[in-house]
Amino acid sequence: MAKSKKKAETVFLVCEETGDYNYTIRRKSGGERLELKKYSPRLRRHTLHVEKKK
């Protein structure tokens, strides 16, 4: 029996305030939805970014 590998998927980190797609990351599928404070170039400050699939 061959084990199936979980493939990494590309997800986007979207700014909650502007809706801009500022960051892309590759991670394993499944798990919790990411919510991180990242830098928003448009606002020039750190804001909450959430994971969104394309």
PDB file of N, CA and C in Angstrom:
ATOM      1  N   MET A   1       0.835  -1.193   0.000  1.00  0.00           N
ATOM      2  CA  MET A   1       0.000   0.000   0.000  1.00  0.00           C
ATOM      3  C   MET A   1       0.872   1.246   0.000  1.00  0.00           C
ATOM      4  N   ALA A   2       0.530   2.157  -0.857  1.00  0.00           N
ATOM      5  CA  ALA A   2       1.275   3.419  -0.930  1.00  0.00           C
ATOM      6  C   ALA A   2       0.573   4.470  -0.082  1.00  0.00           C
ATOM      7  N   LYS A   3       1.375   5.211   0.671  1.00  0.00           N
ATOM      8  CA  LYS A   3       0.796   6.284   1.471  1.00  0.00           C
ATOM      9  C   LYS A   3       0.575   7.499   0.585  1.00  0.00           C
ATOM     10  N   SER A   4      -0.547   8.153   0.757  1.00  0.00           N
ATOM     11  CA  SER A   4      -0.792   9.368  -0.020  1.00  0.00           C
ATOM     12  C   SER A   4      -0.173  10.555   0.704  1.00  0.00           C
ATOM     13  N   LYS A   5       0.515  11.381  -0.053  1.00  0.00           N
ATOM     14  CA  LYS A   5       1.151  12.559   0.537  1.00  0.00           C
ATOM     15  C   LYS A   5       0.185  13.726   0.514  1.00  0.00           C
ATOM     16  N   LYS A   6       0.226  14.512   1.569  1.00  0.00           N
ATOM     17  CA  LYS A   6      -0.546  15.754   1.567  1.00  0.00           C
ATOM     18  C   LYS A   6       0.274  16.785   0.833  1.00  0.00           C
ATOM     19  N   LYS A   7      -0.294  17.390  -0.175  1.00  0.00           N
ATOM     20  CA  LYS A   7       0.443  18.372  -0.948  1.00  0.00           C
ATOM     21  C   LYS A   7       0.274  19.748  -0.325  1.00  0.00           C
ATOM     22  N   ALA A   8       1.290  20.552  -0.508  1.00  0.00           N
ATOM     23  CA  ALA A   8       1.236  21.927  -0.021  1.00  0.00           C
ATOM     24  C   ALA A   8       0.345  22.731  -0.958  1.00  0.00           C
ATOM     25  N   GLU A   9      -0.439  23.617  -0.409  1.00  0.00           N
ATOM     26  CA  GLU A   9      -1.300  24.469  -1.211  1.00  0.00           C
ATOM     27  C   GLU A   9      -0.882  25.918  -1.002  1.00  0.00           C
ATOM     28  N   THR A  10      -1.129  26.744  -1.989  1.00  0.00           N
ATOM     29  CA  THR A  10      -0.810  28.160  -1.896  1.00  0.00           C
ATOM     30  C   THR A  10      -2.024  28.896  -1.358  1.00  0.00           C
ATOM     31  N   VAL A  11      -1.810  29.661  -0.301  1.00  0.00           N
ATOM     32  CA  VAL A  11      -2.881  30.475   0.273  1.00  0.00           C
ATOM     33  C   VAL A  11      -2.409  31.923   0.332  1.00  0.00           C
ATOM     34  N   PHE A  12      -3.337  32.827   0.334  1.00  0.00           N
ATOM     35  CA  PHE A  12      -3.042  34.251   0.353  1.00  0.00           C
ATOM     36  C   PHE A  12      -3.393  34.821   1.716  1.00  0.00           C
ATOM     37  N   LEU A  13      -2.613  35.795   2.161  1.00  0.00           N
ATOM     38  CA  LEU A  13      -2.940  36.534   3.370  1.00  0.00           C
ATOM     39  C   LEU A  13      -3.505  37.871   2.943  1.00  0.00           C
ATOM     40  N   VAL A  14      -4.771  38.109   3.282  1.00  0.00           N
ATOM     41  CA  VAL A  14      -5.509  39.277   2.832  1.00  0.00           C
ATOM     42  C   VAL A  14      -5.707  40.231   3.997  1.00  0.00           C
ATOM     43  N   CYS A  15      -5.442  41.515   3.764  1.00  0.00           N
ATOM     44  CA  CYS A  15      -5.614  42.540   4.784  1.00  0.00           C
ATOM     45  C   CYS A  15      -7.100  42.709   5.082  1.00  0.00           C
ATOM     46  N   GLU A  16      -7.454  42.703   6.356  1.00  0.00           N
ATOM     47  CA  GLU A  16      -8.854  42.863   6.768  1.00  0.00           C
ATOM     48  C   GLU A  16      -9.377  44.263   6.467  1.00  0.00           C
ATOM     49  N   GLU A  17      -8.534  45.277   6.552  1.00  0.00           N
ATOM     50  CA  GLU A  17      -8.995  46.653   6.407  1.00  0.00           C
ATOM     51  C   GLU A  17      -9.080  47.110   4.946  1.00  0.00           C
ATOM     52  N   THR A  18      -8.095  46.733   4.120  1.00  0.00           N
ATOM     53  CA  THR A  18      -8.088  47.201   2.729  1.00  0.00           C
ATOM     54  C   THR A  18      -8.537  46.134   1.737  1.00  0.00           C
ATOM     55  N   GLY A  19      -8.423  44.847   2.094  1.00  0.00           N
ATOM     56  CA  GLY A  19      -8.774  43.770   1.174  1.00  0.00           C
ATOM     57  C   GLY A  19      -7.661  43.443   0.198  1.00  0.00           C
ATOM     58  N   ASP A  20      -6.460  44.002   0.413  1.00  0.00           N
ATOM     59  CA  ASP A  20      -5.327  43.748  -0.474  1.00  0.00           C
ATOM     60  C   ASP A  20      -4.732  42.372  -0.209  1.00  0.00           C
ATOM     61  N   TYR A  21      -4.282  41.710  -1.283  1.00  0.00           N
ATOM     62  CA  TYR A  21      -3.565  40.445  -1.188  1.00  0.00           C
ATOM     63  C   TYR A  21      -2.085  40.776  -1.061  1.00  0.00           C
ATOM     64  N   ASN A  22      -1.579  40.881   0.160  1.00  0.00           N
ATOM     65  CA  ASN A  22      -0.206  41.325   0.377  1.00  0.00           C
ATOM     66  C   ASN A  22       0.810  40.193   0.445  1.00  0.00           C
ATOM     67  N   TYR A  23       0.427  39.006   0.889  1.00  0.00           N
ATOM     68  CA  TYR A  23       1.372  37.923   1.097  1.00  0.00           C
ATOM     69  C   TYR A  23       0.815  36.620   0.555  1.00  0.00           C
ATOM     70  N   THR A  24       1.705  35.755   0.052  1.00  0.00           N
ATOM     71  CA  THR A  24       1.339  34.393  -0.324  1.00  0.00           C
ATOM     72  C   THR A  24       2.236  33.448   0.453  1.00  0.00           C
ATOM     73  N   ILE A  25       1.669  32.329   0.885  1.00  0.00           N
ATOM     74  CA  ILE A  25       2.437  31.313   1.592  1.00  0.00           C
ATOM     75  C   ILE A  25       2.012  29.950   1.086  1.00  0.00           C
ATOM     76  N   ARG A  26       2.917  28.964   1.254  1.00  0.00           N
ATOM     77  CA  ARG A  26       2.588  27.579   0.929  1.00  0.00           C
ATOM     78  C   ARG A  26       2.535  26.817   2.244  1.00  0.00           C
ATOM     79  N   ARG A  27       1.453  26.078   2.420  1.00  0.00           N
ATOM     80  CA  ARG A  27       1.306  25.281   3.642  1.00  0.00           C
ATOM     81  C   ARG A  27       0.514  24.029   3.348  1.00  0.00           C
ATOM     82  N   LYS A  28       0.561  23.078   4.269  1.00  0.00           N
ATOM     83  CA  LYS A  28      -0.179  21.830   4.103  1.00  0.00           C
ATOM     84  C   LYS A  28      -1.666  22.113   4.190  1.00  0.00           C
ATOM     85  N   SER A  29      -2.436  21.348   3.457  1.00  0.00           N
ATOM     86  CA  SER A  29      -3.878  21.551   3.484  1.00  0.00           C
ATOM     87  C   SER A  29      -4.445  21.096   4.821  1.00  0.00           C
ATOM     88  N   GLY A  30      -5.579  21.658   5.186  1.00  0.00           N
ATOM     89  CA  GLY A  30      -6.191  21.328   6.468  1.00  0.00           C
ATOM     90  C   GLY A  30      -5.677  22.232   7.565  1.00  0.00           C
ATOM     91  N   GLY A  31      -6.142  22.024   8.750  1.00  0.00           N
ATOM     92  CA  GLY A  31      -5.686  22.832   9.872  1.00  0.00           C
ATOM     93  C   GLY A  31      -6.542  24.073  10.047  1.00  0.00           C
ATOM     94  N   GLU A  32      -6.133  24.917  10.973  1.00  0.00           N
ATOM     95  CA  GLU A  32      -6.900  26.118  11.279  1.00  0.00           C
ATOM     96  C   GLU A  32      -6.617  27.231  10.282  1.00  0.00           C
ATOM     97  N   ARG A  33      -7.546  28.143  10.201  1.00  0.00           N
ATOM     98  CA  ARG A  33      -7.390  29.301   9.340  1.00  0.00           C
ATOM     99  C   ARG A  33      -6.440  30.294  10.011  1.00  0.00           C
ATOM    100  N   LEU A  34      -5.443  30.774   9.269  1.00  0.00           N
ATOM    101  CA  LEU A  34      -4.446  31.672   9.840  1.00  0.00           C
ATOM    102  C   LEU A  34      -4.983  33.086   9.998  1.00  0.00           C
ATOM    103  N   GLU A  35      -4.617  33.711  11.079  1.00  0.00           N
ATOM    104  CA  GLU A  35      -4.877  35.132  11.309  1.00  0.00           C
ATOM    105  C   GLU A  35      -3.610  35.707  11.911  1.00  0.00           C
ATOM    106  N   LEU A  36      -2.926  36.560  11.163  1.00  0.00           N
ATOM    107  CA  LEU A  36      -1.652  37.102  11.603  1.00  0.00           C
ATOM    108  C   LEU A  36      -1.647  38.614  11.479  1.00  0.00           C
ATOM    109  N   LYS A  37      -0.853  39.261  12.320  1.00  0.00           N
ATOM    110  CA  LYS A  37      -0.637  40.701  12.168  1.00  0.00           C
ATOM    111  C   LYS A  37       0.572  40.875  11.259  1.00  0.00           C
ATOM    112  N   LYS A  38       0.351  41.429  10.073  1.00  0.00           N
ATOM    113  CA  LYS A  38       1.413  41.632   9.100  1.00  0.00           C
ATOM    114  C   LYS A  38       1.390  43.091   8.651  1.00  0.00           C
ATOM    115  N   TYR A  39       2.466  43.503   7.994  1.00  0.00           N
ATOM    116  CA  TYR A  39       2.598  44.883   7.544  1.00  0.00           C
ATOM    117  C   TYR A  39       1.762  45.112   6.287  1.00  0.00           C
ATOM    118  N   SER A  40       0.995  46.193   6.275  1.00  0.00           N
ATOM    119  CA  SER A  40       0.208  46.589   5.112  1.00  0.00           C
ATOM    120  C   SER A  40       0.870  47.817   4.483  1.00  0.00           C
ATOM    121  N   PRO A  41       1.444  47.672   3.281  1.00  0.00           N
ATOM    122  CA  PRO A  41       2.140  48.794   2.652  1.00  0.00           C
ATOM    123  C   PRO A  41       1.227  49.988   2.366  1.00  0.00           C
ATOM    124  N   ARG A  42      -0.017  49.739   2.032  1.00  0.00           N
ATOM    125  CA  ARG A  42      -0.928  50.838   1.719  1.00  0.00           C
ATOM    126  C   ARG A  42      -1.199  51.702   2.948  1.00  0.00           C
ATOM    127  N   LEU A  43      -1.420  51.064   4.092  1.00  0.00           N
ATOM    128  CA  LEU A  43      -1.710  51.797   5.323  1.00  0.00           C
ATOM    129  C   LEU A  43      -0.444  52.168   6.093  1.00  0.00           C
ATOM    130  N   ARG A  44       0.678  51.555   5.726  1.00  0.00           N
ATOM    131  CA  ARG A  44       1.969  51.768   6.369  1.00  0.00           C
ATOM    132  C   ARG A  44       1.938  51.473   7.868  1.00  0.00           C
ATOM    133  N   ARG A  45       1.268  50.381   8.221  1.00  0.00           N
ATOM    134  CA  ARG A  45       1.245  49.913   9.603  1.00  0.00           C
ATOM    135  C   ARG A  45       0.848  48.441   9.611  1.00  0.00           C
ATOM    136  N   HIS A  46       0.972  47.808  10.756  1.00  0.00           N
ATOM    137  CA  HIS A  46       0.602  46.399  10.887  1.00  0.00           C
ATOM    138  C   HIS A  46      -0.904  46.272  11.093  1.00  0.00           C
ATOM    139  N   THR A  47      -1.512  45.373  10.337  1.00  0.00           N
ATOM    140  CA  THR A  47      -2.944  45.111  10.444  1.00  0.00           C
ATOM    141  C   THR A  47      -3.170  43.597  10.481  1.00  0.00           C
ATOM    142  N   LEU A  48      -4.391  43.205  10.778  1.00  0.00           N
ATOM    143  CA  LEU A  48      -4.738  41.790  10.805  1.00  0.00           C
ATOM    144  C   LEU A  48      -4.900  41.272   9.375  1.00  0.00           C
ATOM    145  N   HIS A  49      -4.214  40.191   9.065  1.00  0.00           N
ATOM    146  CA  HIS A  49      -4.335  39.529   7.772  1.00  0.00           C
ATOM    147  C   HIS A  49      -4.909  38.142   8.007  1.00  0.00           C
ATOM    148  N   VAL A  50      -5.835  37.712   7.150  1.00  0.00           N
ATOM    149  CA  VAL A  50      -6.451  36.394   7.278  1.00  0.00           C
ATOM    150  C   VAL A  50      -6.171  35.575   6.037  1.00  0.00           C
ATOM    151  N   GLU A  51      -6.198  34.257   6.209  1.00  0.00           N
ATOM    152  CA  GLU A  51      -5.936  33.333   5.129  1.00  0.00           C
ATOM    153  C   GLU A  51      -7.135  33.267   4.185  1.00  0.00           C
ATOM    154  N   LYS A  52      -6.848  33.252   2.886  1.00  0.00           N
ATOM    155  CA  LYS A  52      -7.896  33.121   1.892  1.00  0.00           C
ATOM    156  C   LYS A  52      -7.360  32.294   0.742  1.00  0.00           C
ATOM    157  N   LYS A  53      -8.143  31.317   0.290  1.00  0.00           N
ATOM    158  CA  LYS A  53      -7.742  30.511  -0.852  1.00  0.00           C
ATOM    159  C   LYS A  53      -8.221  31.184  -2.115  1.00  0.00           C
ATOM    160  N   LYS A  54      -7.531  30.954  -3.192  1.00  0.00           N
ATOM    161  CA  LYS A  54      -7.892  31.614  -4.449  1.00  0.00           C
ATOM    162  C   LYS A  54      -9.133  31.022  -5.039  1.00  0.00           C
TER     163      LYS A  54
END
